[in-house]
PDB file of N, CA and C in Angstrom:
ATOM      1  N   MET A   1     120.016 -37.345  40.550  1.00  0.00           N
ATOM      2  CA  MET A   1     120.531 -37.203  39.488  1.00  0.00           C
ATOM      3  C   MET A   1     122.029 -36.759  39.954  1.00  0.00           C
ATOM      4  N   LYS A   2     122.843 -37.207  38.936  1.00  0.00           N
ATOM      5  CA  LYS A   2     124.249 -36.721  39.056  1.00  0.00           C
ATOM      6  C   LYS A   2     124.512 -35.345  38.937  1.00  0.00           C
ATOM      7  N   ALA A   3     125.692 -34.788  39.666  1.00  0.00           N
ATOM      8  CA  ALA A   3     126.060 -33.429  39.741  1.00  0.00           C
ATOM      9  C   ALA A   3     125.994 -32.784  38.162  1.00  0.00           C
ATOM     10  N   GLU A   4     126.877 -33.700  37.470  1.00  0.00           N
ATOM     11  CA  GLU A   4     126.956 -33.247  35.877  1.00  0.00           C
ATOM     12  C   GLU A   4     125.473 -32.790  35.156  1.00  0.00           C
ATOM     13  N   LYS A   5     124.660 -33.659  35.354  1.00  0.00           N
ATOM     14  CA  LYS A   5     123.239 -33.533  34.857  1.00  0.00           C
ATOM     15  C   LYS A   5     122.511 -32.150  35.432  1.00  0.00           C
ATOM     16  N   ILE A   6     122.771 -31.927  36.753  1.00  0.00           N
ATOM     17  CA  ILE A   6     122.186 -30.849  37.548  1.00  0.00           C
ATOM     18  C   ILE A   6     122.588 -29.526  36.988  1.00  0.00           C
ATOM     19  N   PHE A   7     124.139 -29.634  36.764  1.00  0.00           N
ATOM     20  CA  PHE A   7     124.683 -28.463  36.297  1.00  0.00           C
ATOM     21  C   PHE A   7     124.386 -28.171  34.906  1.00  0.00           C
ATOM     22  N   LYS A   8     124.336 -29.216  34.010  1.00  0.00           N
ATOM     23  CA  LYS A   8     123.724 -29.009  32.517  1.00  0.00           C
ATOM     24  C   LYS A   8     122.626 -28.268  32.586  1.00  0.00           C
ATOM     25  N   LEU A   9     121.439 -28.878  33.426  1.00  0.00           N
ATOM     26  CA  LEU A   9     120.172 -28.333  33.334  1.00  0.00           C
ATOM     27  C   LEU A   9     120.296 -26.931  33.844  1.00  0.00           C
ATOM     28  N   ALA A  10     120.944 -26.697  34.771  1.00  0.00           N
ATOM     29  CA  ALA A  10     121.120 -25.465  35.485  1.00  0.00           C
ATOM     30  C   ALA A  10     121.727 -24.278  34.725  1.00  0.00           C
ATOM     31  N   LYS A  11     122.436 -24.716  33.518  1.00  0.00           N
ATOM     32  CA  LYS A  11     122.888 -23.663  32.682  1.00  0.00           C
ATOM     33  C   LYS A  11     122.000 -22.632  32.412  1.00  0.00           C
ATOM     34  N   GLY A  12     122.758 -21.244  32.572  1.00  0.00           N
ATOM     35  CA  GLY A  12     121.907 -20.237  32.282  1.00  0.00           C
ATOM     36  C   GLY A  12     121.338 -19.447  33.497  1.00  0.00           C
ATOM     37  N   PHE A  13     121.137 -20.396  34.556  1.00  0.00           N
ATOM     38  CA  PHE A  13     120.505 -19.856  35.855  1.00  0.00           C
ATOM     39  C   PHE A  13     121.637 -18.662  36.421  1.00  0.00           C
ATOM     40  N   ARG A  14     121.040 -17.822  37.134  1.00  0.00           N
ATOM     41  CA  ARG A  14     121.772 -16.579  37.752  1.00  0.00           C
ATOM     42  C   ARG A  14     122.416 -16.914  39.222  1.00  0.00           C
ATOM     43  N   GLY A  15     123.525 -16.395  39.503  1.00  0.00           N
ATOM     44  CA  GLY A  15     124.116 -16.582  40.768  1.00  0.00           C
ATOM     45  C   GLY A  15     124.865 -17.891  40.983  1.00  0.00           C
ATOM     46  N   ARG A  16     124.568 -18.377  42.318  1.00  0.00           N
ATOM     47  CA  ARG A  16     125.042 -19.764  42.714  1.00  0.00           C
ATOM     48  C   ARG A  16     124.326 -20.686  42.224  1.00  0.00           C
ATOM     49  N   ALA A  17     123.101 -20.359  41.605  1.00  0.00           N
ATOM     50  CA  ALA A  17     122.174 -21.571  41.304  1.00  0.00           C
ATOM     51  C   ALA A  17     122.776 -22.274  40.165  1.00  0.00           C
ATOM     52  N   LYS A  18     123.903 -21.698  39.357  1.00  0.00           N
ATOM     53  CA  LYS A  18     124.465 -22.401  38.507  1.00  0.00           C
ATOM     54  C   LYS A  18     125.581 -23.246  38.669  1.00  0.00           C
ATOM     55  N   ASN A  19     126.183 -22.978  40.088  1.00  0.00           N
ATOM     56  CA  ASN A  19     127.574 -23.734  40.176  1.00  0.00           C
ATOM     57  C   ASN A  19     127.771 -24.176  41.514  1.00  0.00           C
ATOM     58  N   THR A  20     126.625 -24.113  42.437  1.00  0.00           N
ATOM     59  CA  THR A  20     126.636 -24.774  43.582  1.00  0.00           C
ATOM     60  C   THR A  20     125.454 -25.807  43.693  1.00  0.00           C
ATOM     61  N   ILE A  21     126.032 -27.107  44.141  1.00  0.00           N
ATOM     62  CA  ILE A  21     125.008 -28.113  43.758  1.00  0.00           C
ATOM     63  C   ILE A  21     123.854 -28.259  44.562  1.00  0.00           C
ATOM     64  N   ARG A  22     123.912 -27.808  45.894  1.00  0.00           N
ATOM     65  CA  ARG A  22     122.797 -27.664  46.482  1.00  0.00           C
ATOM     66  C   ARG A  22     121.619 -26.731  46.148  1.00  0.00           C
ATOM     67  N   ILE A  23     122.033 -25.627  45.777  1.00  0.00           N
ATOM     68  CA  ILE A  23     121.031 -24.575  45.008  1.00  0.00           C
ATOM     69  C   ILE A  23     120.783 -25.005  43.941  1.00  0.00           C
ATOM     70  N   ALA A  24     121.720 -25.432  43.034  1.00  0.00           N
ATOM     71  CA  ALA A  24     121.442 -25.818  41.659  1.00  0.00           C
ATOM     72  C   ALA A  24     120.300 -26.931  41.649  1.00  0.00           C
ATOM     73  N   ARG A  25     120.522 -27.888  42.524  1.00  0.00           N
ATOM     74  CA  ARG A  25     119.496 -29.188  42.590  1.00  0.00           C
ATOM     75  C   ARG A  25     117.907 -28.395  42.781  1.00  0.00           C
ATOM     76  N   ASN A  26     118.063 -27.524  43.851  1.00  0.00           N
ATOM     77  CA  ASN A  26     116.663 -26.876  44.131  1.00  0.00           C
ATOM     78  C   ASN A  26     116.046 -26.224  43.021  1.00  0.00           C
ATOM     79  N   ARG A  27     116.872 -25.348  42.409  1.00  0.00           N
ATOM     80  CA  ARG A  27     116.401 -24.610  41.373  1.00  0.00           C
ATOM     81  C   ARG A  27     116.006 -25.536  40.129  1.00  0.00           C
ATOM     82  N   VAL A  28     116.612 -26.388  39.776  1.00  0.00           N
ATOM     83  CA  VAL A  28     116.403 -27.430  38.606  1.00  0.00           C
ATOM     84  C   VAL A  28     115.252 -28.341  38.940  1.00  0.00           C
ATOM     85  N   GLU A  29     115.064 -28.717  40.236  1.00  0.00           N
ATOM     86  CA  GLU A  29     113.770 -29.481  40.495  1.00  0.00           C
ATOM     87  C   GLU A  29     112.523 -28.416  40.425  1.00  0.00           C
ATOM     88  N   LYS A  30     112.750 -27.085  40.944  1.00  0.00           N
ATOM     89  CA  LYS A  30     111.600 -26.351  40.617  1.00  0.00           C
ATOM     90  C   LYS A  30     111.219 -25.941  39.200  1.00  0.00           C
ATOM     91  N   ALA A  31     112.360 -25.794  38.524  1.00  0.00           N
ATOM     92  CA  ALA A  31     112.216 -25.541  37.085  1.00  0.00           C
ATOM     93  C   ALA A  31     111.493 -26.787  36.312  1.00  0.00           C
ATOM     94  N   LEU A  32     111.728 -27.869  36.526  1.00  0.00           N
ATOM     95  CA  LEU A  32     111.212 -29.103  35.926  1.00  0.00           C
ATOM     96  C   LEU A  32     109.540 -29.172  36.530  1.00  0.00           C
ATOM     97  N   GLN A  33     109.404 -28.716  37.713  1.00  0.00           N
ATOM     98  CA  GLN A  33     108.163 -28.572  38.192  1.00  0.00           C
ATOM     99  C   GLN A  33     107.188 -27.685  37.333  1.00  0.00           C
ATOM    100  N   TYR A  34     107.733 -26.450  37.077  1.00  0.00           N
ATOM    101  CA  TYR A  34     107.143 -25.430  36.404  1.00  0.00           C
ATOM    102  C   TYR A  34     106.891 -25.773  34.990  1.00  0.00           C
ATOM    103  N   ALA A  35     107.993 -26.633  34.223  1.00  0.00           N
ATOM    104  CA  ALA A  35     107.786 -26.866  32.973  1.00  0.00           C
ATOM    105  C   ALA A  35     106.612 -28.164  32.865  1.00  0.00           C
ATOM    106  N   TYR A  36     106.552 -28.843  33.844  1.00  0.00           N
ATOM    107  CA  TYR A  36     105.479 -30.010  33.811  1.00  0.00           C
ATOM    108  C   TYR A  36     104.065 -29.215  33.857  1.00  0.00           C
ATOM    109  N   ARG A  37     104.047 -28.246  34.824  1.00  0.00           N
ATOM    110  CA  ARG A  37     102.749 -27.638  34.974  1.00  0.00           C
ATOM    111  C   ARG A  37     102.287 -26.810  33.672  1.00  0.00           C
ATOM    112  N   ASP A  38     103.329 -26.058  33.026  1.00  0.00           N
ATOM    113  CA  ASP A  38     103.106 -25.215  32.100  1.00  0.00           C
ATOM    114  C   ASP A  38     102.732 -25.699  30.823  1.00  0.00           C
ATOM    115  N   ARG A  39     103.145 -27.084  30.573  1.00  0.00           N
ATOM    116  CA  ARG A  39     102.775 -27.901  29.465  1.00  0.00           C
ATOM    117  C   ARG A  39     101.402 -27.898  29.400  1.00  0.00           C
ATOM    118  N   LYS A  40     100.654 -28.144  30.501  1.00  0.00           N
ATOM    119  CA  LYS A  40      99.347 -28.313  30.610  1.00  0.00           C
ATOM    120  C   LYS A  40      98.584 -26.851  30.446  1.00  0.00           C
ATOM    121  N   ALA A  41      99.079 -26.192  30.981  1.00  0.00           N
ATOM    122  CA  ALA A  41      98.755 -24.652  30.970  1.00  0.00           C
ATOM    123  C   ALA A  41      98.810 -24.098  29.502  1.00  0.00           C
ATOM    124  N   LYS A  42      99.645 -24.386  28.756  1.00  0.00           N
ATOM    125  CA  LYS A  42      99.745 -24.013  27.341  1.00  0.00           C
ATOM    126  C   LYS A  42      98.524 -24.548  26.481  1.00  0.00           C
ATOM    127  N   LYS A  43      98.133 -25.761  26.744  1.00  0.00           N
ATOM    128  CA  LYS A  43      96.910 -26.309  25.998  1.00  0.00           C
ATOM    129  C   LYS A  43      95.842 -25.365  26.377  1.00  0.00           C
ATOM    130  N   ARG A  44      95.541 -25.104  27.570  1.00  0.00           N
ATOM    131  CA  ARG A  44      94.382 -24.286  28.184  1.00  0.00           C
ATOM    132  C   ARG A  44      94.586 -22.956  27.285  1.00  0.00           C
ATOM    133  N   ASP A  45      95.668 -22.266  27.461  1.00  0.00           N
ATOM    134  CA  ASP A  45      95.809 -21.006  26.889  1.00  0.00           C
ATOM    135  C   ASP A  45      95.629 -20.977  25.433  1.00  0.00           C
ATOM    136  N   PHE A  46      95.980 -21.782  24.679  1.00  0.00           N
ATOM    137  CA  PHE A  46      95.849 -22.058  23.128  1.00  0.00           C
ATOM    138  C   PHE A  46      94.327 -22.035  22.898  1.00  0.00           C
ATOM    139  N   ARG A  47      93.638 -22.929  23.730  1.00  0.00           N
ATOM    140  CA  ARG A  47      92.251 -23.285  23.485  1.00  0.00           C
ATOM    141  C   ARG A  47      91.362 -21.737  23.817  1.00  0.00           C
ATOM    142  N   GLY A  48      91.718 -21.076  24.733  1.00  0.00           N
ATOM    143  CA  GLY A  48      91.124 -19.911  24.977  1.00  0.00           C
ATOM    144  C   GLY A  48      91.401 -18.811  23.872  1.00  0.00           C
ATOM    145  N   LEU A  49      92.403 -18.782  23.377  1.00  0.00           N
ATOM    146  CA  LEU A  49      92.974 -17.941  22.263  1.00  0.00           C
ATOM    147  C   LEU A  49      92.054 -18.164  20.978  1.00  0.00           C
ATOM    148  N   TRP A  50      92.042 -19.613  20.708  1.00  0.00           N
ATOM    149  CA  TRP A  50      91.028 -20.124  19.537  1.00  0.00           C
ATOM    150  C   TRP A  50      89.706 -19.676  19.718  1.00  0.00           C
ATOM    151  N   ILE A  51      89.058 -19.848  20.734  1.00  0.00           N
ATOM    152  CA  ILE A  51      87.721 -19.333  21.285  1.00  0.00           C
ATOM    153  C   ILE A  51      87.530 -17.815  21.024  1.00  0.00           C
ATOM    154  N   GLN A  52      88.397 -17.122  21.479  1.00  0.00           N
ATOM    155  CA  GLN A  52      88.655 -15.513  21.169  1.00  0.00           C
ATOM    156  C   GLN A  52      88.493 -15.378  19.691  1.00  0.00           C
ATOM    157  N   GLN A  53      89.270 -15.854  18.975  1.00  0.00           N
ATOM    158  CA  GLN A  53      89.407 -15.777  17.491  1.00  0.00           C
ATOM    159  C   GLN A  53      88.092 -16.356  16.868  1.00  0.00           C
ATOM    160  N   ILE A  54      87.424 -17.209  17.104  1.00  0.00           N
ATOM    161  CA  ILE A  54      86.181 -17.843  16.687  1.00  0.00           C
ATOM    162  C   ILE A  54      85.107 -16.628  16.939  1.00  0.00           C
ATOM    163  N   ASN A  55      85.261 -16.467  18.411  1.00  0.00           N
ATOM    164  CA  ASN A  55      84.103 -15.427  18.563  1.00  0.00           C
ATOM    165  C   ASN A  55      84.073 -14.215  17.957  1.00  0.00           C
ATOM    166  N   ALA A  56      85.280 -13.635  17.536  1.00  0.00           N
ATOM    167  CA  ALA A  56      85.523 -12.356  16.950  1.00  0.00           C
ATOM    168  C   ALA A  56      84.853 -12.549  15.412  1.00  0.00           C
ATOM    169  N   GLY A  57      85.369 -13.810  14.973  1.00  0.00           N
ATOM    170  CA  GLY A  57      84.704 -13.855  13.437  1.00  0.00           C
ATOM    171  C   GLY A  57      83.304 -14.293  13.434  1.00  0.00           C
ATOM    172  N   THR A  58      82.734 -14.846  14.324  1.00  0.00           N
ATOM    173  CA  THR A  58      81.355 -15.044  14.016  1.00  0.00           C
ATOM    174  C   THR A  58      80.466 -13.576  14.602  1.00  0.00           C
ATOM    175  N   ARG A  59      80.991 -12.938  15.527  1.00  0.00           N
ATOM    176  CA  ARG A  59      80.295 -11.777  15.894  1.00  0.00           C
ATOM    177  C   ARG A  59      80.215 -10.868  14.596  1.00  0.00           C
ATOM    178  N   GLU A  60      81.126 -10.889  13.746  1.00  0.00           N
ATOM    179  CA  GLU A  60      81.133 -10.054  12.481  1.00  0.00           C
ATOM    180  C   GLU A  60      79.951 -10.542  11.504  1.00  0.00           C
ATOM    181  N   HIS A  61      79.518 -11.547  11.688  1.00  0.00           N
ATOM    182  CA  HIS A  61      78.554 -12.155  11.003  1.00  0.00           C
ATOM    183  C   HIS A  61      77.072 -12.272  11.688  1.00  0.00           C
ATOM    184  N   GLY A  62      77.091 -11.624  12.844  1.00  0.00           N
ATOM    185  CA  GLY A  62      75.856 -11.557  13.573  1.00  0.00           C
ATOM    186  C   GLY A  62      75.281 -12.698  14.291  1.00  0.00           C
ATOM    187  N   ILE A  63      76.268 -13.467  14.740  1.00  0.00           N
ATOM    188  CA  ILE A  63      75.990 -14.781  15.683  1.00  0.00           C
ATOM    189  C   ILE A  63      76.895 -14.914  16.620  1.00  0.00           C
ATOM    190  N   GLY A  64      76.756 -15.454  17.895  1.00  0.00           N
ATOM    191  CA  GLY A  64      77.472 -15.523  19.007  1.00  0.00           C
ATOM    192  C   GLY A  64      78.391 -17.046  18.740  1.00  0.00           C
ATOM    193  N   TYR A  65      79.482 -17.066  19.470  1.00  0.00           N
ATOM    194  CA  TYR A  65      80.297 -18.271  19.475  1.00  0.00           C
ATOM    195  C   TYR A  65      79.620 -19.319  20.080  1.00  0.00           C
ATOM    196  N   GLY A  66      78.620 -19.367  21.152  1.00  0.00           N
ATOM    197  CA  GLY A  66      77.959 -20.545  21.843  1.00  0.00           C
ATOM    198  C   GLY A  66      76.889 -21.164  20.597  1.00  0.00           C
ATOM    199  N   GLU A  67      76.219 -20.397  20.062  1.00  0.00           N
ATOM    200  CA  GLU A  67      75.233 -20.504  18.970  1.00  0.00           C
ATOM    201  C   GLU A  67      76.160 -21.223  17.839  1.00  0.00           C
ATOM    202  N   PHE A  68      77.169 -20.586  17.660  1.00  0.00           N
ATOM    203  CA  PHE A  68      77.898 -21.162  16.274  1.00  0.00           C
ATOM    204  C   PHE A  68      78.387 -22.509  16.527  1.00  0.00           C
ATOM    205  N   ILE A  69      78.919 -22.928  17.749  1.00  0.00           N
ATOM    206  CA  ILE A  69      79.467 -24.104  17.990  1.00  0.00           C
ATOM    207  C   ILE A  69      78.395 -25.045  18.233  1.00  0.00           C
ATOM    208  N   SER A  70      77.246 -24.670  18.827  1.00  0.00           N
ATOM    209  CA  SER A  70      76.270 -25.675  19.035  1.00  0.00           C
ATOM    210  C   SER A  70      75.756 -26.131  17.727  1.00  0.00           C
ATOM    211  N   GLY A  71      75.423 -25.024  16.674  1.00  0.00           N
ATOM    212  CA  GLY A  71      74.867 -25.279  15.301  1.00  0.00           C
ATOM    213  C   GLY A  71      75.736 -26.217  14.546  1.00  0.00           C
ATOM    214  N   LEU A  72      77.044 -26.163  14.774  1.00  0.00           N
ATOM    215  CA  LEU A  72      77.927 -26.882  14.055  1.00  0.00           C
ATOM    216  C   LEU A  72      77.815 -28.356  14.426  1.00  0.00           C
ATOM    217  N   LYS A  73      77.809 -28.581  15.879  1.00  0.00           N
ATOM    218  CA  LYS A  73      77.350 -29.808  16.442  1.00  0.00           C
ATOM    219  C   LYS A  73      76.094 -30.443  15.759  1.00  0.00           C
ATOM    220  N   ASP A  74      74.913 -29.569  15.696  1.00  0.00           N
ATOM    221  CA  ASP A  74      73.640 -30.093  15.317  1.00  0.00           C
ATOM    222  C   ASP A  74      73.857 -30.498  13.822  1.00  0.00           C
ATOM    223  N   GLU A  75      74.698 -29.796  13.020  1.00  0.00           N
ATOM    224  CA  GLU A  75      74.876 -30.017  11.630  1.00  0.00           C
ATOM    225  C   GLU A  75      75.857 -31.110  11.267  1.00  0.00           C
ATOM    226  N   ASN A  76      76.558 -31.669  12.362  1.00  0.00           N
ATOM    227  CA  ASN A  76      77.467 -32.918  12.324  1.00  0.00           C
ATOM    228  C   ASN A  76      78.591 -32.339  11.516  1.00  0.00           C
ATOM    229  N   ILE A  77      79.019 -31.090  11.653  1.00  0.00           N
ATOM    230  CA  ILE A  77      80.233 -30.408  11.149  1.00  0.00           C
ATOM    231  C   ILE A  77      81.211 -30.604  12.067  1.00  0.00           C
ATOM    232  N   GLN A  78      82.428 -31.567  11.855  1.00  0.00           N
ATOM    233  CA  GLN A  78      83.489 -31.944  13.075  1.00  0.00           C
ATOM    234  C   GLN A  78      84.751 -31.091  12.704  1.00  0.00           C
ATOM    235  N   LEU A  79      84.957 -29.896  12.939  1.00  0.00           N
ATOM    236  CA  LEU A  79      86.086 -29.173  12.825  1.00  0.00           C
ATOM    237  C   LEU A  79      86.549 -28.639  14.382  1.00  0.00           C
ATOM    238  N   ASN A  80      87.794 -28.999  14.523  1.00  0.00           N
ATOM    239  CA  ASN A  80      88.102 -28.412  16.003  1.00  0.00           C
ATOM    240  C   ASN A  80      88.423 -26.953  16.097  1.00  0.00           C
ATOM    241  N   ARG A  81      88.547 -26.512  17.400  1.00  0.00           N
ATOM    242  CA  ARG A  81      88.611 -24.993  17.399  1.00  0.00           C
ATOM    243  C   ARG A  81      89.787 -24.377  16.866  1.00  0.00           C
ATOM    244  N   LYS A  82      91.008 -25.142  16.754  1.00  0.00           N
ATOM    245  CA  LYS A  82      92.244 -24.589  16.045  1.00  0.00           C
ATOM    246  C   LYS A  82      91.978 -24.531  14.769  1.00  0.00           C
ATOM    247  N   MET A  83      91.238 -25.314  13.897  1.00  0.00           N
ATOM    248  CA  MET A  83      91.102 -25.191  12.500  1.00  0.00           C
ATOM    249  C   MET A  83      89.889 -24.030  12.253  1.00  0.00           C
ATOM    250  N   LEU A  84      89.065 -23.879  13.194  1.00  0.00           N
ATOM    251  CA  LEU A  84      87.970 -22.826  13.092  1.00  0.00           C
ATOM    252  C   LEU A  84      88.578 -21.454  13.241  1.00  0.00           C
ATOM    253  N   ALA A  85      89.549 -21.303  14.103  1.00  0.00           N
ATOM    254  CA  ALA A  85      90.236 -20.054  14.309  1.00  0.00           C
ATOM    255  C   ALA A  85      91.032 -19.776  13.086  1.00  0.00           C
ATOM    256  N   ASP A  86      91.786 -20.778  12.617  1.00  0.00           N
ATOM    257  CA  ASP A  86      92.460 -20.716  11.296  1.00  0.00           C
ATOM    258  C   ASP A  86      91.844 -20.084  10.357  1.00  0.00           C
ATOM    259  N   LEU A  87      90.533 -20.624  10.108  1.00  0.00           N
ATOM    260  CA  LEU A  87      89.483 -20.379   8.933  1.00  0.00           C
ATOM    261  C   LEU A  87      89.102 -19.124   9.204  1.00  0.00           C
ATOM    262  N   ALA A  88      88.970 -18.382  10.521  1.00  0.00           N
ATOM    263  CA  ALA A  88      88.229 -17.177  10.615  1.00  0.00           C
ATOM    264  C   ALA A  88      89.308 -16.129  10.316  1.00  0.00           C
ATOM    265  N   GLN A  89      90.648 -16.506  10.498  1.00  0.00           N
ATOM    266  CA  GLN A  89      91.616 -15.524  10.140  1.00  0.00           C
ATOM    267  C   GLN A  89      92.084 -15.313   8.734  1.00  0.00           C
ATOM    268  N   ASN A  90      92.255 -16.746   8.193  1.00  0.00           N
ATOM    269  CA  ASN A  90      92.884 -16.795   6.920  1.00  0.00           C
ATOM    270  C   ASN A  90      91.995 -17.065   5.898  1.00  0.00           C
ATOM    271  N   GLU A  91      90.932 -17.529   5.904  1.00  0.00           N
ATOM    272  CA  GLU A  91      89.887 -17.855   5.014  1.00  0.00           C
ATOM    273  C   GLU A  91      88.484 -17.482   5.395  1.00  0.00           C
ATOM    274  N   PRO A  92      88.428 -16.224   5.055  1.00  0.00           N
ATOM    275  CA  PRO A  92      87.077 -15.443   5.607  1.00  0.00           C
ATOM    276  C   PRO A  92      85.832 -15.884   4.824  1.00  0.00           C
ATOM    277  N   TYR A  93      85.887 -16.125   3.507  1.00  0.00           N
ATOM    278  CA  TYR A  93      84.789 -16.847   2.642  1.00  0.00           C
ATOM    279  C   TYR A  93      84.356 -18.110   3.191  1.00  0.00           C
ATOM    280  N   SER A  94      85.429 -18.941   3.552  1.00  0.00           N
ATOM    281  CA  SER A  94      85.107 -20.279   4.013  1.00  0.00           C
ATOM    282  C   SER A  94      84.345 -20.337   5.424  1.00  0.00           C
ATOM    283  N   PHE A  95      84.794 -19.432   6.229  1.00  0.00           N
ATOM    284  CA  PHE A  95      84.363 -19.244   7.587  1.00  0.00           C
ATOM    285  C   PHE A  95      82.944 -18.762   7.382  1.00  0.00           C
ATOM    286  N   LYS A  96      82.685 -17.652   6.513  1.00  0.00           N
ATOM    287  CA  LYS A  96      81.468 -17.291   6.420  1.00  0.00           C
ATOM    288  C   LYS A  96      80.378 -18.201   5.832  1.00  0.00           C
ATOM    289  N   ALA A  97      80.807 -19.123   4.947  1.00  0.00           N
ATOM    290  CA  ALA A  97      80.017 -20.199   4.598  1.00  0.00           C
ATOM    291  C   ALA A  97      79.645 -21.080   5.706  1.00  0.00           C
ATOM    292  N   LEU A  98      80.490 -21.528   6.604  1.00  0.00           N
ATOM    293  CA  LEU A  98      80.312 -21.973   7.814  1.00  0.00           C
ATOM    294  C   LEU A  98      79.113 -21.477   8.562  1.00  0.00           C
ATOM    295  N   VAL A  99      79.400 -20.116   8.872  1.00  0.00           N
ATOM    296  CA  VAL A  99      78.493 -19.296   9.591  1.00  0.00           C
ATOM    297  C   VAL A  99      77.139 -19.235   8.807  1.00  0.00           C
ATOM    298  N   ASP A 100      77.047 -19.156   7.727  1.00  0.00           N
ATOM    299  CA  ASP A 100      75.737 -19.082   6.889  1.00  0.00           C
ATOM    300  C   ASP A 100      75.020 -20.602   6.822  1.00  0.00           C
ATOM    301  N   THR A 101      75.739 -21.571   7.025  1.00  0.00           N
ATOM    302  CA  THR A 101      75.140 -22.930   7.287  1.00  0.00           C
ATOM    303  C   THR A 101      74.352 -22.864   8.486  1.00  0.00           C
ATOM    304  N   VAL A 102      75.041 -22.465   9.672  1.00  0.00           N
ATOM    305  CA  VAL A 102      74.390 -22.357  10.999  1.00  0.00           C
ATOM    306  C   VAL A 102      73.332 -21.516  11.020  1.00  0.00           C
ATOM    307  N   LYS A 103      73.576 -20.197  10.399  1.00  0.00           N
ATOM    308  CA  LYS A 103      72.331 -19.372  10.193  1.00  0.00           C
ATOM    309  C   LYS A 103      71.119 -19.912   9.616  1.00  0.00           C
ATOM    310  N   ARG A 104      71.408 -20.610   8.603  1.00  0.00           N
ATOM    311  CA  ARG A 104      70.217 -21.258   7.855  1.00  0.00           C
ATOM    312  C   ARG A 104      69.588 -22.131   8.644  1.00  0.00           C
ATOM    313  N   MET A 105      70.287 -22.962   9.366  1.00  0.00           N
ATOM    314  CA  MET A 105      69.767 -24.059  10.234  1.00  0.00           C
ATOM    315  C   MET A 105      69.014 -23.616  11.304  1.00  0.00           C
ATOM    316  N   ARG A 106      69.451 -22.414  11.754  1.00  0.00           N
ATOM    317  CA  ARG A 106      68.826 -21.813  12.958  1.00  0.00           C
ATOM    318  C   ARG A 106      67.468 -20.852  12.438  1.00  0.00           C
ATOM    319  N   GLY A 107      67.477 -20.552  11.176  1.00  0.00           N
ATOM    320  CA  GLY A 107      66.332 -19.808  10.860  1.00  0.00           C
ATOM    321  C   GLY A 107      66.613 -18.305  10.766  1.00  0.00           C
ATOM    322  N   TYR A 108      67.895 -17.918  10.860  1.00  0.00           N
ATOM    323  CA  TYR A 108      68.134 -16.611  10.807  1.00  0.00           C
ATOM    324  C   TYR A 108      68.266 -15.942   9.251  1.00  0.00           C
ATOM    325  N   PRO A 109      68.163 -14.812   8.982  1.00  0.00           N
ATOM    326  CA  PRO A 109      68.470 -14.512   7.647  1.00  0.00           C
ATOM    327  C   PRO A 109      69.643 -14.419   7.185  1.00  0.00           C
ATOM    328  N   VAL A 110      70.065 -14.792   5.904  1.00  0.00           N
ATOM    329  CA  VAL A 110      71.404 -15.134   5.514  1.00  0.00           C
ATOM    330  C   VAL A 110      71.851 -13.869   4.656  1.00  0.00           C
ATOM    331  N   ASP A 111      72.750 -13.098   4.883  1.00  0.00           N
ATOM    332  CA  ASP A 111      73.213 -12.149   3.965  1.00  0.00           C
ATOM    333  C   ASP A 111      73.657 -12.529   2.611  1.00  0.00           C
ATOM    334  N   PRO A 112      73.182 -12.033   1.594  1.00  0.00           N
ATOM    335  CA  PRO A 112      73.626 -12.424   0.003  1.00  0.00           C
ATOM    336  C   PRO A 112      74.976 -12.165  -0.153  1.00  0.00           C
ATOM    337  N   PRO A 113      75.498 -12.991  -0.900  1.00  0.00           N
ATOM    338  CA  PRO A 113      77.243 -12.736  -1.123  1.00  0.00           C
ATOM    339  C   PRO A 113      77.408 -11.561  -1.713  1.00  0.00           C
ATOM    340  N   LYS A 114      78.480 -10.782  -1.524  1.00  0.00           N
ATOM    341  CA  LYS A 114      78.688  -9.447  -2.323  1.00  0.00           C
ATOM    342  C   LYS A 114      79.444  -9.761  -3.345  1.00  0.00           C
ATOM    343  N   THR A 115      79.079  -9.077  -4.440  1.00  0.00           N
ATOM    344  CA  THR A 115      79.919  -9.426  -5.795  1.00  0.00           C
ATOM    345  C   THR A 115      80.798  -8.151  -6.108  1.00  0.00           C
TER     346      THR A 115
END
């Protein structure tokens, strides 16, 4: 990379890392490595967060996460974890309907709707 581009990418770095080409090049290369690595890690982190949110929602209704996901697969309900987590947080009645569907299929007693 040309020095201009290195310094442009190094903008905001501390000390000589922003204005000395040798140090700036090393810091920019390392920063780009971290950026590449963390784009992958971000996907893992969000999936873990969604799983925790789904698990919390299913446990409120008396069923575990693993059993819930397995039941959805058996019922051929194809919702990804991001959408399930969103339903668990923002649409509790819709999420409860999904949980009740899985419970019915598994033979668990289903709570009657509250009026």
